[in-house]
Amino acid sequence: MRIRIVSSRDEINTLEAGEIIIHLAFRPSNKDIFALVKTCPNVKAIHIPASYINSTSMLLDMQGIDLLEGDVWGHRKDINEYSEINPKIFDRMKELMEQGLSEPDLLGKLGRETQLSNDLLKFLLKRKVKK
């Protein structure tokens, strides 16, 4: 699964309509969120650093879009616009679920192993494993 990295509001208009998860590496305004949802009607989640969480969560909730708290660590946007989620993470999720781990224990273990944010892991678990 790919996460589209957006470094500035100027990039919103350049996004493709089919983007599913977008990480905003800048503090978005409500206007930016509206532009993003208009440009990417298929978006299912917006991932932003904890310090950027604000009232946009209510707007996105009404649109059926998850707002995920977290950062994308170690990514160089000048090299690649996307951060890739290793498919092995989904295999590990299934493995831990088969072991009977509770969701909080599973998320804690995966968080330590992958360094992905808890919100992003919950979203991935909901979208890829529980279907």
N, C-alpha and C. Protein backbone atom coordinates (compact mmCIF):
# COMPACT_ATOMS: atom_id res chain seq x y z
N MET A 1 0.85 -1.18 0.00
CA MET A 1 0.00 0.00 0.00
C MET A 1 0.89 1.23 0.00
N ARG A 2 0.50 2.23 -0.77
CA ARG A 2 1.30 3.45 -0.89
C ARG A 2 0.62 4.61 -0.18
N ILE A 3 1.45 5.44 0.44
CA ILE A 3 0.98 6.67 1.07
C ILE A 3 1.56 7.82 0.27
N ARG A 4 0.71 8.67 -0.30
CA ARG A 4 1.18 9.81 -1.09
C ARG A 4 1.61 10.90 -0.13
N ILE A 5 2.84 11.37 -0.27
CA ILE A 5 3.39 12.42 0.59
C ILE A 5 3.16 13.76 -0.09
N VAL A 6 2.58 14.71 0.66
CA VAL A 6 2.34 16.06 0.14
C VAL A 6 3.05 17.04 1.08
N SER A 7 4.03 17.76 0.53
CA SER A 7 4.87 18.64 1.34
C SER A 7 4.34 20.06 1.47
N SER A 8 3.50 20.49 0.51
CA SER A 8 2.98 21.86 0.58
C SER A 8 1.60 21.91 -0.07
N ARG A 9 0.87 22.96 0.26
CA ARG A 9 -0.49 23.11 -0.28
C ARG A 9 -0.48 23.27 -1.79
N ASP A 10 0.64 23.75 -2.34
CA ASP A 10 0.74 23.91 -3.79
C ASP A 10 0.68 22.57 -4.52
N GLU A 11 1.00 21.49 -3.85
CA GLU A 11 0.99 20.16 -4.48
C GLU A 11 -0.41 19.54 -4.56
N ILE A 12 -1.36 20.06 -3.82
CA ILE A 12 -2.70 19.45 -3.78
C ILE A 12 -3.31 19.34 -5.17
N ASN A 13 -3.18 20.39 -5.97
CA ASN A 13 -3.78 20.38 -7.31
C ASN A 13 -3.10 19.40 -8.26
N THR A 14 -1.91 18.90 -7.91
CA THR A 14 -1.18 17.98 -8.78
C THR A 14 -1.46 16.52 -8.45
N LEU A 15 -2.27 16.27 -7.41
CA LEU A 15 -2.55 14.89 -6.99
C LEU A 15 -3.47 14.19 -7.99
N GLU A 16 -3.36 12.88 -8.03
CA GLU A 16 -4.25 12.09 -8.88
C GLU A 16 -5.52 11.78 -8.11
N ALA A 17 -6.63 11.68 -8.81
CA ALA A 17 -7.94 11.47 -8.18
C ALA A 17 -8.02 10.17 -7.41
N GLY A 18 -7.24 9.17 -7.77
CA GLY A 18 -7.34 7.84 -7.15
C GLY A 18 -6.54 7.63 -5.89
N GLU A 19 -5.93 8.68 -5.35
CA GLU A 19 -5.13 8.52 -4.12
C GLU A 19 -6.03 8.03 -2.98
N ILE A 20 -5.54 7.07 -2.19
CA ILE A 20 -6.31 6.48 -1.09
C ILE A 20 -5.86 7.02 0.27
N ILE A 21 -4.53 7.04 0.52
CA ILE A 21 -3.99 7.58 1.77
C ILE A 21 -3.01 8.69 1.41
N ILE A 22 -3.17 9.83 2.06
CA ILE A 22 -2.31 10.98 1.80
C ILE A 22 -1.73 11.47 3.13
N HIS A 23 -0.40 11.66 3.16
CA HIS A 23 0.26 12.23 4.33
C HIS A 23 0.53 13.70 4.03
N LEU A 24 0.01 14.59 4.89
CA LEU A 24 0.26 16.02 4.75
C LEU A 24 1.41 16.39 5.68
N ALA A 25 2.51 16.82 5.10
CA ALA A 25 3.69 17.17 5.88
C ALA A 25 3.71 18.67 6.21
N PHE A 26 2.59 19.33 6.06
CA PHE A 26 2.43 20.74 6.40
C PHE A 26 1.14 20.89 7.19
N ARG A 27 0.97 22.02 7.86
CA ARG A 27 -0.24 22.26 8.64
C ARG A 27 -1.36 22.69 7.69
N PRO A 28 -2.36 21.81 7.46
CA PRO A 28 -3.42 22.15 6.51
C PRO A 28 -4.49 23.05 7.13
N SER A 29 -5.02 23.95 6.30
CA SER A 29 -6.18 24.74 6.71
C SER A 29 -7.42 23.98 6.26
N ASN A 30 -8.58 24.42 6.69
CA ASN A 30 -9.83 23.80 6.22
C ASN A 30 -9.94 23.94 4.69
N LYS A 31 -9.48 25.05 4.16
CA LYS A 31 -9.50 25.25 2.71
C LYS A 31 -8.63 24.19 2.02
N ASP A 32 -7.48 23.87 2.60
CA ASP A 32 -6.61 22.84 2.03
C ASP A 32 -7.30 21.48 2.05
N ILE A 33 -7.99 21.17 3.15
CA ILE A 33 -8.70 19.90 3.27
C ILE A 33 -9.81 19.81 2.23
N PHE A 34 -10.58 20.89 2.06
CA PHE A 34 -11.64 20.92 1.04
C PHE A 34 -11.04 20.69 -0.35
N ALA A 35 -9.92 21.37 -0.64
CA ALA A 35 -9.27 21.22 -1.95
C ALA A 35 -8.78 19.78 -2.14
N LEU A 36 -8.25 19.19 -1.09
CA LEU A 36 -7.76 17.82 -1.16
C LEU A 36 -8.90 16.83 -1.45
N VAL A 37 -10.00 16.97 -0.74
CA VAL A 37 -11.15 16.08 -0.92
C VAL A 37 -11.75 16.27 -2.32
N LYS A 38 -11.74 17.48 -2.82
CA LYS A 38 -12.26 17.74 -4.16
C LYS A 38 -11.33 17.14 -5.22
N THR A 39 -10.03 17.29 -5.03
CA THR A 39 -9.05 16.77 -5.98
C THR A 39 -8.97 15.24 -5.95
N CYS A 40 -9.13 14.66 -4.76
CA CYS A 40 -9.00 13.21 -4.57
C CYS A 40 -10.29 12.64 -3.99
N PRO A 41 -11.33 12.47 -4.79
CA PRO A 41 -12.62 12.02 -4.26
C PRO A 41 -12.59 10.59 -3.68
N ASN A 42 -11.56 9.81 -3.98
CA ASN A 42 -11.47 8.44 -3.48
C ASN A 42 -10.65 8.32 -2.21
N VAL A 43 -10.17 9.44 -1.67
CA VAL A 43 -9.31 9.38 -0.48
C VAL A 43 -10.07 8.76 0.69
N LYS A 44 -9.41 7.87 1.40
CA LYS A 44 -10.01 7.18 2.55
C LYS A 44 -9.37 7.61 3.86
N ALA A 45 -8.14 8.16 3.80
CA ALA A 45 -7.46 8.57 5.03
C ALA A 45 -6.47 9.68 4.74
N ILE A 46 -6.38 10.60 5.68
CA ILE A 46 -5.38 11.66 5.64
C ILE A 46 -4.54 11.51 6.89
N HIS A 47 -3.25 11.40 6.71
CA HIS A 47 -2.30 11.14 7.79
C HIS A 47 -1.52 12.42 8.04
N ILE A 48 -1.56 12.95 9.28
CA ILE A 48 -0.85 14.19 9.58
C ILE A 48 -0.17 14.07 10.95
N PRO A 49 0.92 14.83 11.17
CA PRO A 49 1.57 14.82 12.48
C PRO A 49 0.62 15.26 13.59
N ALA A 50 0.86 14.75 14.79
CA ALA A 50 -0.02 15.02 15.93
C ALA A 50 -0.22 16.51 16.18
N SER A 51 0.81 17.28 15.97
CA SER A 51 0.71 18.72 16.24
C SER A 51 -0.21 19.43 15.25
N TYR A 52 -0.62 18.78 14.18
CA TYR A 52 -1.47 19.40 13.17
C TYR A 52 -2.94 19.03 13.29
N ILE A 53 -3.28 18.11 14.21
CA ILE A 53 -4.67 17.70 14.36
C ILE A 53 -5.47 18.92 14.83
N ASN A 54 -6.59 19.18 14.17
CA ASN A 54 -7.44 20.30 14.57
C ASN A 54 -8.90 19.99 14.24
N SER A 55 -9.70 21.00 14.06
CA SER A 55 -11.13 20.81 13.86
C SER A 55 -11.49 20.13 12.54
N THR A 56 -10.51 19.88 11.69
CA THR A 56 -10.82 19.24 10.41
C THR A 56 -11.33 17.82 10.59
N SER A 57 -11.10 17.23 11.75
CA SER A 57 -11.53 15.84 11.97
C SER A 57 -13.05 15.71 11.84
N MET A 58 -13.82 16.70 12.29
CA MET A 58 -15.27 16.64 12.18
C MET A 58 -15.71 16.70 10.71
N LEU A 59 -15.11 17.58 9.94
CA LEU A 59 -15.41 17.70 8.52
C LEU A 59 -15.11 16.39 7.80
N LEU A 60 -13.96 15.82 8.07
CA LEU A 60 -13.56 14.58 7.39
C LEU A 60 -14.44 13.41 7.80
N ASP A 61 -14.84 13.38 9.05
CA ASP A 61 -15.71 12.32 9.53
C ASP A 61 -17.03 12.32 8.75
N MET A 62 -17.56 13.49 8.47
CA MET A 62 -18.79 13.60 7.69
C MET A 62 -18.59 13.10 6.26
N GLN A 63 -17.36 13.17 5.75
CA GLN A 63 -17.04 12.72 4.40
C GLN A 63 -16.67 11.23 4.36
N GLY A 64 -16.59 10.59 5.55
CA GLY A 64 -16.19 9.19 5.61
C GLY A 64 -14.70 8.99 5.42
N ILE A 65 -13.91 10.02 5.75
CA ILE A 65 -12.46 9.97 5.60
C ILE A 65 -11.83 9.94 6.98
N ASP A 66 -10.94 8.99 7.21
CA ASP A 66 -10.26 8.89 8.50
C ASP A 66 -9.12 9.90 8.56
N LEU A 67 -8.98 10.56 9.71
CA LEU A 67 -7.86 11.46 9.95
C LEU A 67 -6.91 10.70 10.87
N LEU A 68 -5.71 10.43 10.38
CA LEU A 68 -4.76 9.60 11.11
C LEU A 68 -3.63 10.46 11.66
N GLU A 69 -3.35 10.29 12.93
CA GLU A 69 -2.28 11.04 13.57
C GLU A 69 -0.98 10.27 13.40
N GLY A 70 0.08 10.97 13.03
CA GLY A 70 1.39 10.33 12.93
C GLY A 70 2.29 11.01 11.93
N ASP A 71 3.52 10.53 11.88
CA ASP A 71 4.53 11.04 10.96
C ASP A 71 4.99 9.91 10.05
N VAL A 72 5.59 10.28 8.94
CA VAL A 72 6.24 9.31 8.07
C VAL A 72 7.74 9.55 8.25
N TRP A 73 8.36 8.69 9.05
CA TRP A 73 9.76 8.88 9.44
C TRP A 73 10.71 8.37 8.36
N GLY A 74 11.78 9.11 8.15
CA GLY A 74 12.85 8.66 7.28
C GLY A 74 12.54 8.73 5.80
N HIS A 75 11.46 9.40 5.43
CA HIS A 75 11.09 9.46 4.02
C HIS A 75 11.71 10.68 3.37
N ARG A 76 12.26 10.51 2.17
CA ARG A 76 12.83 11.61 1.40
C ARG A 76 11.96 11.86 0.19
N LYS A 77 11.15 12.90 0.25
CA LYS A 77 10.22 13.18 -0.83
C LYS A 77 10.93 13.56 -2.12
N ASP A 78 12.14 14.09 -2.02
CA ASP A 78 12.88 14.44 -3.23
C ASP A 78 13.30 13.19 -4.01
N ILE A 79 13.27 12.03 -3.35
CA ILE A 79 13.60 10.77 -4.01
C ILE A 79 12.34 10.06 -4.50
N ASN A 80 11.27 10.09 -3.70
CA ASN A 80 10.03 9.39 -4.06
C ASN A 80 8.85 10.11 -3.43
N GLU A 81 7.79 10.33 -4.21
CA GLU A 81 6.59 11.00 -3.71
C GLU A 81 5.80 10.14 -2.74
N TYR A 82 6.04 8.83 -2.77
CA TYR A 82 5.26 7.90 -1.96
C TYR A 82 6.12 7.23 -0.91
N SER A 83 5.48 6.90 0.19
CA SER A 83 6.07 6.03 1.21
C SER A 83 5.34 4.70 1.07
N GLU A 84 6.08 3.63 0.96
CA GLU A 84 5.50 2.32 0.70
C GLU A 84 5.35 1.55 2.01
N ILE A 85 4.20 0.94 2.21
CA ILE A 85 3.97 0.07 3.37
C ILE A 85 4.29 -1.35 2.93
N ASN A 86 5.25 -1.94 3.58
CA ASN A 86 5.72 -3.27 3.21
C ASN A 86 4.59 -4.29 3.36
N PRO A 87 4.34 -5.09 2.32
CA PRO A 87 3.28 -6.11 2.40
C PRO A 87 3.49 -7.10 3.55
N LYS A 88 4.72 -7.26 4.01
CA LYS A 88 5.00 -8.17 5.13
C LYS A 88 4.29 -7.73 6.41
N ILE A 89 3.98 -6.44 6.50
CA ILE A 89 3.27 -5.92 7.68
C ILE A 89 1.88 -6.55 7.76
N PHE A 90 1.23 -6.71 6.62
CA PHE A 90 -0.11 -7.32 6.60
C PHE A 90 -0.03 -8.79 6.98
N ASP A 91 1.03 -9.47 6.52
CA ASP A 91 1.23 -10.87 6.92
C ASP A 91 1.43 -10.98 8.42
N ARG A 92 2.20 -10.03 8.97
CA ARG A 92 2.46 -10.02 10.41
C ARG A 92 1.17 -9.75 11.19
N MET A 93 0.33 -8.85 10.67
CA MET A 93 -0.96 -8.57 11.31
C MET A 93 -1.78 -9.85 11.41
N LYS A 94 -1.88 -10.57 10.30
CA LYS A 94 -2.66 -11.81 10.28
C LYS A 94 -2.07 -12.83 11.24
N GLU A 95 -0.75 -12.93 11.26
CA GLU A 95 -0.07 -13.86 12.15
C GLU A 95 -0.40 -13.56 13.61
N LEU A 96 -0.33 -12.29 13.99
CA LEU A 96 -0.61 -11.90 15.37
C LEU A 96 -2.08 -12.11 15.72
N MET A 97 -2.97 -11.87 14.75
CA MET A 97 -4.39 -12.10 14.99
C MET A 97 -4.66 -13.59 15.20
N GLU A 98 -3.98 -14.43 14.41
CA GLU A 98 -4.15 -15.88 14.55
C GLU A 98 -3.63 -16.38 15.89
N GLN A 99 -2.69 -15.64 16.47
CA GLN A 99 -2.16 -15.98 17.80
C GLN A 99 -3.14 -15.58 18.90
N GLY A 100 -4.20 -14.87 18.51
CA GLY A 100 -5.23 -14.49 19.47
C GLY A 100 -4.93 -13.23 20.25
N LEU A 101 -3.98 -12.41 19.79
CA LEU A 101 -3.68 -11.16 20.49
C LEU A 101 -4.87 -10.22 20.42
N SER A 102 -5.11 -9.51 21.50
CA SER A 102 -6.16 -8.49 21.49
C SER A 102 -5.70 -7.35 20.58
N GLU A 103 -6.65 -6.54 20.13
CA GLU A 103 -6.28 -5.43 19.24
C GLU A 103 -5.26 -4.49 19.88
N PRO A 104 -5.43 -4.08 21.15
CA PRO A 104 -4.42 -3.20 21.75
C PRO A 104 -3.03 -3.84 21.81
N ASP A 105 -2.98 -5.15 22.14
CA ASP A 105 -1.69 -5.83 22.19
C ASP A 105 -1.08 -5.95 20.79
N LEU A 106 -1.93 -6.26 19.81
CA LEU A 106 -1.48 -6.38 18.43
C LEU A 106 -0.92 -5.04 17.94
N LEU A 107 -1.65 -3.96 18.20
CA LEU A 107 -1.20 -2.64 17.77
C LEU A 107 0.08 -2.23 18.47
N GLY A 108 0.20 -2.53 19.75
CA GLY A 108 1.41 -2.21 20.49
C GLY A 108 2.63 -2.94 19.94
N LYS A 109 2.46 -4.24 19.68
CA LYS A 109 3.55 -5.05 19.15
C LYS A 109 3.95 -4.58 17.75
N LEU A 110 2.94 -4.36 16.88
CA LEU A 110 3.23 -3.89 15.52
C LEU A 110 3.87 -2.50 15.53
N GLY A 111 3.42 -1.65 16.44
CA GLY A 111 4.00 -0.31 16.54
C GLY A 111 5.47 -0.36 16.88
N ARG A 112 5.83 -1.24 17.81
CA ARG A 112 7.24 -1.39 18.18
C ARG A 112 8.05 -1.99 17.02
N GLU A 113 7.46 -2.93 16.31
CA GLU A 113 8.17 -3.62 15.23
C GLU A 113 8.31 -2.77 13.98
N THR A 114 7.30 -1.96 13.67
CA THR A 114 7.27 -1.25 12.39
C THR A 114 7.56 0.24 12.49
N GLN A 115 7.43 0.83 13.67
CA GLN A 115 7.56 2.27 13.88
C GLN A 115 6.46 3.07 13.17
N LEU A 116 5.35 2.40 12.78
CA LEU A 116 4.21 3.10 12.20
C LEU A 116 3.32 3.61 13.33
N SER A 117 2.62 4.71 13.09
CA SER A 117 1.75 5.29 14.11
C SER A 117 0.58 4.37 14.42
N ASN A 118 0.08 4.47 15.63
CA ASN A 118 -1.05 3.64 16.08
C ASN A 118 -2.27 3.87 15.18
N ASP A 119 -2.56 5.12 14.84
CA ASP A 119 -3.71 5.42 13.98
C ASP A 119 -3.57 4.79 12.60
N LEU A 120 -2.36 4.85 12.04
CA LEU A 120 -2.14 4.26 10.72
C LEU A 120 -2.29 2.74 10.80
N LEU A 121 -1.77 2.13 11.84
CA LEU A 121 -1.91 0.68 12.01
C LEU A 121 -3.38 0.27 12.16
N LYS A 122 -4.15 1.05 12.93
CA LYS A 122 -5.59 0.77 13.08
C LYS A 122 -6.29 0.84 11.73
N PHE A 123 -5.95 1.86 10.94
CA PHE A 123 -6.55 2.02 9.62
C PHE A 123 -6.21 0.83 8.72
N LEU A 124 -4.95 0.43 8.71
CA LEU A 124 -4.52 -0.70 7.89
C LEU A 124 -5.20 -1.98 8.33
N LEU A 125 -5.31 -2.16 9.63
CA LEU A 125 -5.96 -3.35 10.18
C LEU A 125 -7.42 -3.40 9.73
N LYS A 126 -8.10 -2.27 9.83
CA LYS A 126 -9.50 -2.19 9.43
C LYS A 126 -9.67 -2.42 7.93
N ARG A 127 -8.80 -1.87 7.11
CA ARG A 127 -8.95 -1.92 5.66
C ARG A 127 -8.45 -3.23 5.04
N LYS A 128 -7.38 -3.80 5.57
CA LYS A 128 -6.76 -4.93 4.90
C LYS A 128 -7.03 -6.29 5.54
N VAL A 129 -7.17 -6.32 6.83
CA VAL A 129 -7.25 -7.61 7.51
C VAL A 129 -8.68 -7.99 7.86
N LYS A 130 -9.48 -7.03 8.32
CA LYS A 130 -10.80 -7.34 8.83
C LYS A 130 -11.87 -7.41 7.76
N LYS A 131 -11.53 -7.22 6.51
CA LYS A 131 -12.54 -7.26 5.42
C LYS A 131 -13.18 -8.61 5.31
